Amino acid sequence: MASLDPDTDIMYVCRSNLVLRSQMRVILSETYNRKRLPEAMEHNVETVWSDRLAKNPKLYNGTKFRIDSVSIEGDALTVNLGVTCYKEYIGSNWSPNVELYQTLGRQYCNNPQVYLSDPLGVGSFVLTSDNRVILLRRSVHCGEAPGLWDVPGGHAEPEELVGKKSFEEIDVSSMDSQAVTDEIFDSILREIRDEVNLPQSSLSDPELLGIARNTTSASRPSMEFLVRCSLKSEEVVSRYQQGNQAEADESTSIKMLPLEDAVVLETKNPDLWREMAPSGKGCFILYRLTNRSP
């Protein structure tokens, strides 16, 4: 499903009712891991990672969940997940050979993403009690979209469930499905808390808006949520500026957008829209597509 911006595609949108954690089912299998490329090409994955790491030593090769596909039955959403890591993501989705990998995926597996890492990101349309939306300016040290405006977000982390293991050591089929679902929903609350310095008690339980793909990173997917904050926008800014957040080095400033501007940002403020990270654009588009515009 195409979005309205070349930086994003929409993989899934909750058009009628948003998906609660009780309505999401996770199926875990190694068959949903990235398929390995022919040996010479697989070696290039390591080379791309090494080159990026040399340029940005702050990069960290953590384990991630890999989203393969979704299906809908009634109000329930089934998500098929494997595991991957940040090294695979940089080495495949950000490889100069990524179009070749997608071509091979179409040719041999009828799936252009099968050789790509596609780690599952999470992001959130955070709405304050006075109807303002949180945007953060990403640090220039971020691994992607440096210096752009974005919604709070990050990744669900297998490490939270299995400890510090390489993704090759993880028996994904042995992971508890409900625990993984909870980690996905809990991870966005954690990211908001750590990036904006907000108490978790001020945040509602996340509701899934849908899944957007970042076309600038070879269609890497991200679940985008609606989270309501009981604080007013000035309180949010004040807490952010206190500088106590756990991930203070990931952003450099905060912006509070009126909701009525956020839902028409492409036309209301096209300069700001051009400065938005693809993940942020996808989140805003999904909010609008769910018919939750004012």
C-alpha atoms as a PDB file:
ATOM      1  CA  MET A   1       0.000   0.000   0.000  1.00  0.00           C
ATOM      2  CA  ALA A   2       1.562   3.271  -1.069  1.00  0.00           C
ATOM      3  CA  SER A   3       1.712   6.230   1.323  1.00  0.00           C
ATOM      4  CA  LEU A   4       1.758   9.838   0.225  1.00  0.00           C
ATOM      5  CA  ASP A   5       5.524  10.340   0.459  1.00  0.00           C
ATOM      6  CA  PRO A   6       8.369   8.641  -1.456  1.00  0.00           C
ATOM      7  CA  ASP A   7      10.303   8.040   1.790  1.00  0.00           C
ATOM      8  CA  THR A   8       7.658   5.674   3.150  1.00  0.00           C
ATOM      9  CA  ASP A   9       5.326   2.833   2.208  1.00  0.00           C
ATOM     10  CA  ILE A  10       2.487   1.603   4.380  1.00  0.00           C
ATOM     11  CA  MET A  11       2.630  -2.120   5.139  1.00  0.00           C
ATOM     12  CA  TYR A  12      -0.471  -2.223   7.352  1.00  0.00           C
ATOM     13  CA  VAL A  13      -2.900   0.348   8.747  1.00  0.00           C
ATOM     14  CA  CYS A  14      -5.527  -0.030  11.484  1.00  0.00           C
ATOM     15  CA  ARG A  15      -8.338   1.798   9.706  1.00  0.00           C
ATOM     16  CA  SER A  16     -11.241   1.017  12.036  1.00  0.00           C
ATOM     17  CA  ASN A  17      -9.932   0.203  15.506  1.00  0.00           C
ATOM     18  CA  LEU A  18      -6.382   0.510  16.752  1.00  0.00           C
ATOM     19  CA  VAL A  19      -4.755  -2.762  17.829  1.00  0.00           C
ATOM     20  CA  LEU A  20      -4.255  -3.252  21.562  1.00  0.00           C
ATOM     21  CA  ARG A  21      -1.615  -5.586  22.996  1.00  0.00           C
ATOM     22  CA  SER A  22      -4.372  -8.108  23.791  1.00  0.00           C
ATOM     23  CA  GLN A  23      -5.259  -8.198  20.080  1.00  0.00           C
ATOM     24  CA  MET A  24      -1.784  -8.916  18.723  1.00  0.00           C
ATOM     25  CA  ARG A  25      -0.440 -12.441  18.304  1.00  0.00           C
ATOM     26  CA  VAL A  26       3.205 -13.180  17.567  1.00  0.00           C
ATOM     27  CA  ILE A  27       4.424 -16.301  15.745  1.00  0.00           C
ATOM     28  CA  LEU A  28       8.161 -16.932  16.163  1.00  0.00           C
ATOM     29  CA  SER A  29      10.223 -19.084  13.827  1.00  0.00           C
ATOM     30  CA  GLU A  30      13.717 -19.269  12.357  1.00  0.00           C
ATOM     31  CA  THR A  31      12.056 -19.413   8.946  1.00  0.00           C
ATOM     32  CA  TYR A  32      11.354 -15.708   9.440  1.00  0.00           C
ATOM     33  CA  ASN A  33      15.061 -14.880   9.898  1.00  0.00           C
ATOM     34  CA  ARG A  34      16.970 -13.247   7.051  1.00  0.00           C
ATOM     35  CA  LYS A  35      17.910 -15.747   4.359  1.00  0.00           C
ATOM     36  CA  ARG A  36      21.679 -15.925   3.844  1.00  0.00           C
ATOM     37  CA  LEU A  37      23.101 -14.703   0.559  1.00  0.00           C
ATOM     38  CA  PRO A  38      25.584 -16.664  -1.593  1.00  0.00           C
ATOM     39  CA  GLU A  39      28.926 -16.816   0.241  1.00  0.00           C
ATOM     40  CA  ALA A  40      30.733 -13.998  -1.595  1.00  0.00           C
ATOM     41  CA  MET A  41      27.787 -11.631  -1.140  1.00  0.00           C
ATOM     42  CA  GLU A  42      27.336 -12.658   2.490  1.00  0.00           C
ATOM     43  CA  HIS A  43      30.935 -11.649   3.142  1.00  0.00           C
ATOM     44  CA  ASN A  44      30.045  -8.167   1.878  1.00  0.00           C
ATOM     45  CA  VAL A  45      27.533  -7.806   4.727  1.00  0.00           C
ATOM     46  CA  GLU A  46      30.419  -7.981   7.198  1.00  0.00           C
ATOM     47  CA  THR A  47      32.510  -5.572   5.102  1.00  0.00           C
ATOM     48  CA  VAL A  48      29.774  -2.918   4.969  1.00  0.00           C
ATOM     49  CA  TRP A  49      29.323  -3.147   8.738  1.00  0.00           C
ATOM     50  CA  SER A  50      33.058  -2.837   9.393  1.00  0.00           C
ATOM     51  CA  ASP A  51      33.271   0.238   7.178  1.00  0.00           C
ATOM     52  CA  ARG A  52      30.310   1.925   8.911  1.00  0.00           C
ATOM     53  CA  LEU A  53      31.650   1.058  12.352  1.00  0.00           C
ATOM     54  CA  ALA A  54      35.012   2.608  11.510  1.00  0.00           C
ATOM     55  CA  LYS A  55      33.247   5.860  10.599  1.00  0.00           C
ATOM     56  CA  ASN A  56      30.901   5.814  13.608  1.00  0.00           C
ATOM     57  CA  PRO A  57      32.295   3.873  16.603  1.00  0.00           C
ATOM     58  CA  LYS A  58      29.094   4.635  18.562  1.00  0.00           C
ATOM     59  CA  LEU A  59      27.188   1.983  16.565  1.00  0.00           C
ATOM     60  CA  TYR A  60      26.183  -1.055  18.640  1.00  0.00           C
ATOM     61  CA  ASN A  61      25.444  -4.515  17.254  1.00  0.00           C
ATOM     62  CA  GLY A  62      22.424  -5.414  19.367  1.00  0.00           C
ATOM     63  CA  THR A  63      19.913  -8.164  18.586  1.00  0.00           C
ATOM     64  CA  LYS A  64      16.584  -7.164  17.013  1.00  0.00           C
ATOM     65  CA  PHE A  65      13.359  -8.829  16.010  1.00  0.00           C
ATOM     66  CA  ARG A  66      12.880  -9.321  12.270  1.00  0.00           C
ATOM     67  CA  ILE A  67       9.389  -8.841  10.899  1.00  0.00           C
ATOM     68  CA  ASP A  68       8.552 -11.058   7.951  1.00  0.00           C
ATOM     69  CA  SER A  69       4.831 -10.589   7.405  1.00  0.00           C
ATOM     70  CA  VAL A  70       1.478  -9.888   9.052  1.00  0.00           C
ATOM     71  CA  SER A  71      -2.068 -11.193   8.651  1.00  0.00           C
ATOM     72  CA  ILE A  72      -5.409  -9.976   9.943  1.00  0.00           C
ATOM     73  CA  GLU A  73      -8.348 -12.027  11.159  1.00  0.00           C
ATOM     74  CA  GLY A  74     -11.214  -9.995  12.563  1.00  0.00           C
ATOM     75  CA  ASP A  75      -9.782  -7.563  15.114  1.00  0.00           C
ATOM     76  CA  ALA A  76      -6.675  -9.700  15.710  1.00  0.00           C
ATOM     77  CA  LEU A  77      -3.295  -9.034  14.110  1.00  0.00           C
ATOM     78  CA  THR A  78      -0.801 -11.873  13.659  1.00  0.00           C
ATOM     79  CA  VAL A  79       2.841 -10.871  13.279  1.00  0.00           C
ATOM     80  CA  ASN A  80       5.447 -13.351  11.994  1.00  0.00           C
ATOM     81  CA  LEU A  81       8.834 -12.679  13.583  1.00  0.00           C
ATOM     82  CA  GLY A  82      12.386 -13.974  13.459  1.00  0.00           C
ATOM     83  CA  VAL A  83      15.549 -12.413  14.871  1.00  0.00           C
ATOM     84  CA  THR A  84      18.375 -10.402  13.377  1.00  0.00           C
ATOM     85  CA  CYS A  85      20.977  -7.879  14.545  1.00  0.00           C
ATOM     86  CA  TYR A  86      22.068  -4.325  13.816  1.00  0.00           C
ATOM     87  CA  LYS A  87      25.150  -5.547  11.945  1.00  0.00           C
ATOM     88  CA  GLU A  88      22.936  -7.488   9.542  1.00  0.00           C
ATOM     89  CA  TYR A  89      20.756  -4.416   9.128  1.00  0.00           C
ATOM     90  CA  ILE A  90      23.613  -2.113   8.187  1.00  0.00           C
ATOM     91  CA  GLY A  91      25.270  -4.781   6.047  1.00  0.00           C
ATOM     92  CA  SER A  92      22.147  -5.697   4.059  1.00  0.00           C
ATOM     93  CA  ASN A  93      19.545  -2.906   4.074  1.00  0.00           C
ATOM     94  CA  TRP A  94      22.261  -0.248   3.778  1.00  0.00           C
ATOM     95  CA  SER A  95      24.541  -2.166   1.409  1.00  0.00           C
ATOM     96  CA  PRO A  96      25.435  -0.499  -1.909  1.00  0.00           C
ATOM     97  CA  ASN A  97      24.315  -3.844  -3.398  1.00  0.00           C
ATOM     98  CA  VAL A  98      20.863  -3.780  -1.789  1.00  0.00           C
ATOM     99  CA  GLU A  99      18.984  -3.507  -5.090  1.00  0.00           C
ATOM    100  CA  LEU A 100      20.748  -6.663  -6.283  1.00  0.00           C
ATOM    101  CA  TYR A 101      19.760  -8.460  -3.076  1.00  0.00           C
ATOM    102  CA  GLN A 102      16.141  -7.428  -3.612  1.00  0.00           C
ATOM    103  CA  THR A 103      16.271  -8.579  -7.230  1.00  0.00           C
ATOM    104  CA  LEU A 104      17.603 -11.983  -6.140  1.00  0.00           C
ATOM    105  CA  GLY A 105      14.869 -12.176  -3.518  1.00  0.00           C
ATOM    106  CA  ARG A 106      12.192 -11.595  -6.120  1.00  0.00           C
ATOM    107  CA  GLN A 107      13.805 -14.046  -8.527  1.00  0.00           C
ATOM    108  CA  TYR A 108      14.376 -16.968  -6.171  1.00  0.00           C
ATOM    109  CA  CYS A 109      11.841 -16.468  -3.367  1.00  0.00           C
ATOM    110  CA  ASN A 110       9.193 -14.120  -4.769  1.00  0.00           C
ATOM    111  CA  ASN A 111      10.066 -11.803  -1.869  1.00  0.00           C
ATOM    112  CA  PRO A 112      12.373  -8.784  -2.337  1.00  0.00           C
ATOM    113  CA  GLN A 113      13.040  -8.542   1.423  1.00  0.00           C
ATOM    114  CA  VAL A 114      14.085 -12.144   2.084  1.00  0.00           C
ATOM    115  CA  TYR A 115      17.852 -11.390   2.020  1.00  0.00           C
ATOM    116  CA  LEU A 116      17.491  -8.188   4.055  1.00  0.00           C
ATOM    117  CA  SER A 117      17.636  -7.810   7.820  1.00  0.00           C
ATOM    118  CA  ASP A 118      14.457  -5.683   8.158  1.00  0.00           C
ATOM    119  CA  PRO A 119      14.705  -5.226  11.955  1.00  0.00           C
ATOM    120  CA  LEU A 120      11.433  -4.198  13.542  1.00  0.00           C
ATOM    121  CA  GLY A 121      11.492  -0.586  14.687  1.00  0.00           C
ATOM    122  CA  VAL A 122       8.965   1.083  16.987  1.00  0.00           C
ATOM    123  CA  GLY A 123       7.832   4.693  16.989  1.00  0.00           C
ATOM    124  CA  SER A 124       5.083   6.732  18.595  1.00  0.00           C
ATOM    125  CA  PHE A 125       2.703   9.588  17.938  1.00  0.00           C
ATOM    126  CA  VAL A 126       2.844  10.974  21.503  1.00  0.00           C
ATOM    127  CA  LEU A 127      -0.125  13.253  22.177  1.00  0.00           C
ATOM    128  CA  THR A 128      -0.021  15.509  25.252  1.00  0.00           C
ATOM    129  CA  SER A 129      -3.047  16.495  27.334  1.00  0.00           C
ATOM    130  CA  ASP A 130      -3.194  19.849  25.505  1.00  0.00           C
ATOM    131  CA  ASN A 131      -3.108  18.191  22.062  1.00  0.00           C
ATOM    132  CA  ARG A 132       0.528  18.694  21.114  1.00  0.00           C
ATOM    133  CA  VAL A 133       2.686  16.089  19.362  1.00  0.00           C
ATOM    134  CA  ILE A 134       6.313  15.430  20.380  1.00  0.00           C
ATOM    135  CA  LEU A 135       9.131  15.709  17.822  1.00  0.00           C
ATOM    136  CA  LEU A 136      12.823  15.208  18.611  1.00  0.00           C
ATOM    137  CA  ARG A 137      15.808  16.407  16.568  1.00  0.00           C
ATOM    138  CA  ARG A 138      18.019  13.375  16.038  1.00  0.00           C
ATOM    139  CA  SER A 139      21.701  13.669  16.935  1.00  0.00           C
ATOM    140  CA  VAL A 140      24.269  13.715  14.133  1.00  0.00           C
ATOM    141  CA  HIS A 141      25.740  10.592  15.785  1.00  0.00           C
ATOM    142  CA  CYS A 142      22.624   8.485  15.084  1.00  0.00           C
ATOM    143  CA  GLY A 143      23.184   5.567  12.731  1.00  0.00           C
ATOM    144  CA  GLU A 144      20.495   6.761  10.324  1.00  0.00           C
ATOM    145  CA  ALA A 145      18.519   9.950   9.658  1.00  0.00           C
ATOM    146  CA  PRO A 146      21.092  12.049  11.572  1.00  0.00           C
ATOM    147  CA  GLY A 147      19.979  15.599  12.280  1.00  0.00           C
ATOM    148  CA  LEU A 148      16.350  15.052  11.190  1.00  0.00           C
ATOM    149  CA  TRP A 149      13.179  15.514  13.216  1.00  0.00           C
ATOM    150  CA  ASP A 150      11.557  12.277  14.358  1.00  0.00           C
ATOM    151  CA  VAL A 151       8.987  10.829  16.723  1.00  0.00           C
ATOM    152  CA  PRO A 152      10.278   9.046  19.851  1.00  0.00           C
ATOM    153  CA  GLY A 153      11.196   5.489  18.981  1.00  0.00           C
ATOM    154  CA  GLY A 154      13.743   2.735  18.677  1.00  0.00           C
ATOM    155  CA  HIS A 155      13.511  -1.054  18.767  1.00  0.00           C
ATOM    156  CA  ALA A 156      12.012  -3.909  20.705  1.00  0.00           C
ATOM    157  CA  GLU A 157      14.951  -5.839  22.142  1.00  0.00           C
ATOM    158  CA  PRO A 158      15.305  -9.656  22.295  1.00  0.00           C
ATOM    159  CA  GLU A 159      18.013  -8.956  24.886  1.00  0.00           C
ATOM    160  CA  GLU A 160      15.258  -7.966  27.340  1.00  0.00           C
ATOM    161  CA  LEU A 161      14.005 -11.563  27.197  1.00  0.00           C
ATOM    162  CA  VAL A 162      17.078 -13.749  26.617  1.00  0.00           C
ATOM    163  CA  GLY A 163      19.984 -11.642  27.857  1.00  0.00           C
ATOM    164  CA  LYS A 164      23.108 -10.623  25.958  1.00  0.00           C
ATOM    165  CA  LYS A 165      23.350 -13.275  23.264  1.00  0.00           C
ATOM    166  CA  SER A 166      24.263 -13.003  19.618  1.00  0.00           C
ATOM    167  CA  PHE A 167      21.236 -13.490  17.384  1.00  0.00           C
ATOM    168  CA  GLU A 168      22.767 -16.748  16.112  1.00  0.00           C
ATOM    169  CA  GLU A 169      22.585 -18.108  19.689  1.00  0.00           C
ATOM    170  CA  ILE A 170      18.886 -17.307  20.096  1.00  0.00           C
ATOM    171  CA  ASP A 171      16.448 -20.190  19.660  1.00  0.00           C
ATOM    172  CA  VAL A 172      13.634 -17.979  18.478  1.00  0.00           C
ATOM    173  CA  SER A 173      11.044 -20.778  18.514  1.00  0.00           C
ATOM    174  CA  SER A 174      11.575 -21.232  22.268  1.00  0.00           C
ATOM    175  CA  MET A 175      10.705 -17.613  23.081  1.00  0.00           C
ATOM    176  CA  ASP A 176       7.346 -16.956  24.708  1.00  0.00           C
ATOM    177  CA  SER A 177       4.947 -15.358  22.230  1.00  0.00           C
ATOM    178  CA  GLN A 178       3.114 -13.247  24.822  1.00  0.00           C
ATOM    179  CA  ALA A 179       6.405 -12.056  26.315  1.00  0.00           C
ATOM    180  CA  VAL A 180       7.518 -10.901  22.852  1.00  0.00           C
ATOM    181  CA  THR A 181       4.215  -9.069  22.306  1.00  0.00           C
ATOM    182  CA  ASP A 182       4.626  -7.364  25.673  1.00  0.00           C
ATOM    183  CA  GLU A 183       8.228  -6.427  24.840  1.00  0.00           C
ATOM    184  CA  ILE A 184       7.109  -4.767  21.600  1.00  0.00           C
ATOM    185  CA  PHE A 185       4.466  -2.685  23.399  1.00  0.00           C
ATOM    186  CA  ASP A 186       6.666  -2.027  26.440  1.00  0.00           C
ATOM    187  CA  SER A 187       9.637  -1.008  24.285  1.00  0.00           C
ATOM    188  CA  ILE A 188       7.930   2.108  22.946  1.00  0.00           C
ATOM    189  CA  LEU A 189       7.064   3.220  26.486  1.00  0.00           C
ATOM    190  CA  ARG A 190      10.699   2.660  27.429  1.00  0.00           C
ATOM    191  CA  GLU A 191      11.882   4.716  24.447  1.00  0.00           C
ATOM    192  CA  ILE A 192       9.583   7.628  25.290  1.00  0.00           C
ATOM    193  CA  ARG A 193      10.687   7.518  28.913  1.00  0.00           C
ATOM    194  CA  ASP A 194      14.381   7.340  28.070  1.00  0.00           C
ATOM    195  CA  GLU A 195      14.402   9.822  25.163  1.00  0.00           C
ATOM    196  CA  VAL A 196      12.059  12.493  26.546  1.00  0.00           C
ATOM    197  CA  ASN A 197      12.567  12.014  30.296  1.00  0.00           C
ATOM    198  CA  LEU A 198       8.864  11.386  30.971  1.00  0.00           C
ATOM    199  CA  PRO A 199       7.577   9.273  33.859  1.00  0.00           C
ATOM    200  CA  GLN A 200       6.089   6.067  32.530  1.00  0.00           C
ATOM    201  CA  SER A 201       3.090   6.643  34.811  1.00  0.00           C
ATOM    202  CA  SER A 202       2.150   9.623  32.597  1.00  0.00           C
ATOM    203  CA  LEU A 203       1.848   7.442  29.471  1.00  0.00           C
ATOM    204  CA  SER A 204      -1.131   5.401  28.286  1.00  0.00           C
ATOM    205  CA  ASP A 205      -0.718   1.836  27.070  1.00  0.00           C
ATOM    206  CA  PRO A 206       0.286   1.971  23.387  1.00  0.00           C
ATOM    207  CA  GLU A 207      -2.255   1.391  20.628  1.00  0.00           C
ATOM    208  CA  LEU A 208      -0.947   0.254  17.252  1.00  0.00           C
ATOM    209  CA  LEU A 209      -1.632   2.626  14.342  1.00  0.00           C
ATOM    210  CA  GLY A 210      -0.012   0.357  11.761  1.00  0.00           C
ATOM    211  CA  ILE A 211       3.317  -0.555  10.189  1.00  0.00           C
ATOM    212  CA  ALA A 212       5.293   1.780   7.915  1.00  0.00           C
ATOM    213  CA  ARG A 213       8.265   0.911   5.717  1.00  0.00           C
ATOM    214  CA  ASN A 214      11.230   3.261   5.323  1.00  0.00           C
ATOM    215  CA  THR A 215      12.039   3.208   1.610  1.00  0.00           C
ATOM    216  CA  THR A 216      15.337   5.043   2.174  1.00  0.00           C
ATOM    217  CA  SER A 217      16.578   1.969   4.075  1.00  0.00           C
ATOM    218  CA  ALA A 218      15.285  -0.622   1.592  1.00  0.00           C
ATOM    219  CA  SER A 219      11.775  -0.800   3.105  1.00  0.00           C
ATOM    220  CA  ARG A 220      12.788  -1.441   6.706  1.00  0.00           C
ATOM    221  CA  PRO A 221       9.522  -1.759   8.761  1.00  0.00           C
ATOM    222  CA  SER A 222       8.456   0.035  11.929  1.00  0.00           C
ATOM    223  CA  MET A 223       5.399  -0.384  14.122  1.00  0.00           C
ATOM    224  CA  GLU A 224       3.925   3.014  14.891  1.00  0.00           C
ATOM    225  CA  PHE A 225       1.805   3.568  18.003  1.00  0.00           C
ATOM    226  CA  LEU A 226      -0.456   6.175  19.538  1.00  0.00           C
ATOM    227  CA  VAL A 227       0.489   6.981  23.140  1.00  0.00           C
ATOM    228  CA  ARG A 228      -1.336   9.617  25.174  1.00  0.00           C
ATOM    229  CA  CYS A 229       0.592  11.623  27.771  1.00  0.00           C
ATOM    230  CA  SER A 230      -1.208  13.099  30.786  1.00  0.00           C
ATOM    231  CA  LEU A 231       1.261  16.009  30.952  1.00  0.00           C
ATOM    232  CA  LYS A 232       0.889  19.349  29.168  1.00  0.00           C
ATOM    233  CA  SER A 233       3.350  20.319  26.470  1.00  0.00           C
ATOM    234  CA  GLU A 234       5.226  22.837  28.639  1.00  0.00           C
ATOM    235  CA  GLU A 235       5.753  20.142  31.280  1.00  0.00           C
ATOM    236  CA  VAL A 236       7.114  17.785  28.615  1.00  0.00           C
ATOM    237  CA  VAL A 237       9.551  20.418  27.351  1.00  0.00           C
ATOM    238  CA  SER A 238      10.666  21.209  30.893  1.00  0.00           C
ATOM    239  CA  ARG A 239      11.371  17.565  31.698  1.00  0.00           C
ATOM    240  CA  TYR A 240      13.257  17.102  28.424  1.00  0.00           C
ATOM    241  CA  GLN A 241      15.381  20.178  29.096  1.00  0.00           C
ATOM    242  CA  GLN A 242      16.326  18.890  32.558  1.00  0.00           C
ATOM    243  CA  GLY A 243      18.611  16.525  30.664  1.00  0.00           C
ATOM    244  CA  ASN A 244      18.078  13.497  32.887  1.00  0.00           C
ATOM    245  CA  GLN A 245      16.902  11.194  30.116  1.00  0.00           C
ATOM    246  CA  ALA A 246      18.771   7.924  29.693  1.00  0.00           C
ATOM    247  CA  GLU A 247      19.282   8.480  25.970  1.00  0.00           C
ATOM    248  CA  ALA A 248      20.123  12.196  26.017  1.00  0.00           C
ATOM    249  CA  ASP A 249      22.815  11.758  23.361  1.00  0.00           C
ATOM    250  CA  GLU A 250      20.281  10.537  20.772  1.00  0.00           C
ATOM    251  CA  SER A 251      18.570  13.910  20.303  1.00  0.00           C
ATOM    252  CA  THR A 252      19.517  17.581  20.557  1.00  0.00           C
ATOM    253  CA  SER A 253      16.194  19.450  20.831  1.00  0.00           C
ATOM    254  CA  ILE A 254      12.436  19.037  21.165  1.00  0.00           C
ATOM    255  CA  LYS A 255       9.496  20.534  19.284  1.00  0.00           C
ATOM    256  CA  MET A 256       5.802  20.448  20.270  1.00  0.00           C
ATOM    257  CA  LEU A 257       3.476  20.531  17.254  1.00  0.00           C
ATOM    258  CA  PRO A 258      -0.210  21.428  17.553  1.00  0.00           C
ATOM    259  CA  LEU A 259      -2.233  18.371  16.554  1.00  0.00           C
ATOM    260  CA  GLU A 260      -4.130  20.291  13.895  1.00  0.00           C
ATOM    261  CA  ASP A 261      -0.796  21.167  12.230  1.00  0.00           C
ATOM    262  CA  ALA A 262       0.726  17.698  12.587  1.00  0.00           C
ATOM    263  CA  VAL A 263      -1.994  15.944  10.593  1.00  0.00           C
ATOM    264  CA  VAL A 264      -1.499  18.252   7.578  1.00  0.00           C
ATOM    265  CA  LEU A 265       2.202  18.909   8.015  1.00  0.00           C
ATOM    266  CA  GLU A 266       3.115  18.289   4.348  1.00  0.00           C
ATOM    267  CA  THR A 267       1.039  21.311   3.301  1.00  0.00           C
ATOM    268  CA  LYS A 268       1.086  23.332   6.532  1.00  0.00           C
ATOM    269  CA  ASN A 269       4.870  23.341   6.905  1.00  0.00           C
ATOM    270  CA  PRO A 270       6.566  21.662   3.905  1.00  0.00           C
ATOM    271  CA  ASP A 271      10.020  22.802   5.059  1.00  0.00           C
ATOM    272  CA  LEU A 272       9.612  20.940   8.361  1.00  0.00           C
ATOM    273  CA  TRP A 273       8.175  17.922   6.525  1.00  0.00           C
ATOM    274  CA  ARG A 274      11.326  17.754   4.388  1.00  0.00           C
ATOM    275  CA  GLU A 275      13.372  17.714   7.615  1.00  0.00           C
ATOM    276  CA  MET A 276      11.403  14.759   8.998  1.00  0.00           C
ATOM    277  CA  ALA A 277      12.956  11.294   9.281  1.00  0.00           C
ATOM    278  CA  PRO A 278      11.145   8.693   7.153  1.00  0.00           C
ATOM    279  CA  SER A 279      10.006   6.884  10.312  1.00  0.00           C
ATOM    280  CA  GLY A 280       8.428  10.094  11.604  1.00  0.00           C
ATOM    281  CA  LYS A 281       6.694  10.662   8.278  1.00  0.00           C
ATOM    282  CA  GLY A 282       5.331   7.126   8.355  1.00  0.00           C
ATOM    283  CA  CYS A 283       3.996   7.626  11.879  1.00  0.00           C
ATOM    284  CA  PHE A 284       2.241  10.884  10.958  1.00  0.00           C
ATOM    285  CA  ILE A 285       0.744   9.368   7.799  1.00  0.00           C
ATOM    286  CA  LEU A 286      -0.539   6.340   9.721  1.00  0.00           C
ATOM    287  CA  TYR A 287      -2.157   8.580  12.343  1.00  0.00           C
ATOM    288  CA  ARG A 288      -3.990  10.411   9.591  1.00  0.00           C
ATOM    289  CA  LEU A 289      -4.990   7.187   7.774  1.00  0.00           C
ATOM    290  CA  THR A 290      -6.595   5.819  10.954  1.00  0.00           C
ATOM    291  CA  ASN A 291      -9.065   8.690  10.718  1.00  0.00           C
ATOM    292  CA  ARG A 292      -8.007  10.175  14.041  1.00  0.00           C
ATOM    293  CA  SER A 293      -7.492  13.638  12.614  1.00  0.00           C
ATOM    294  CA  PRO A 294      -9.182  16.460  14.557  1.00  0.00           C
END
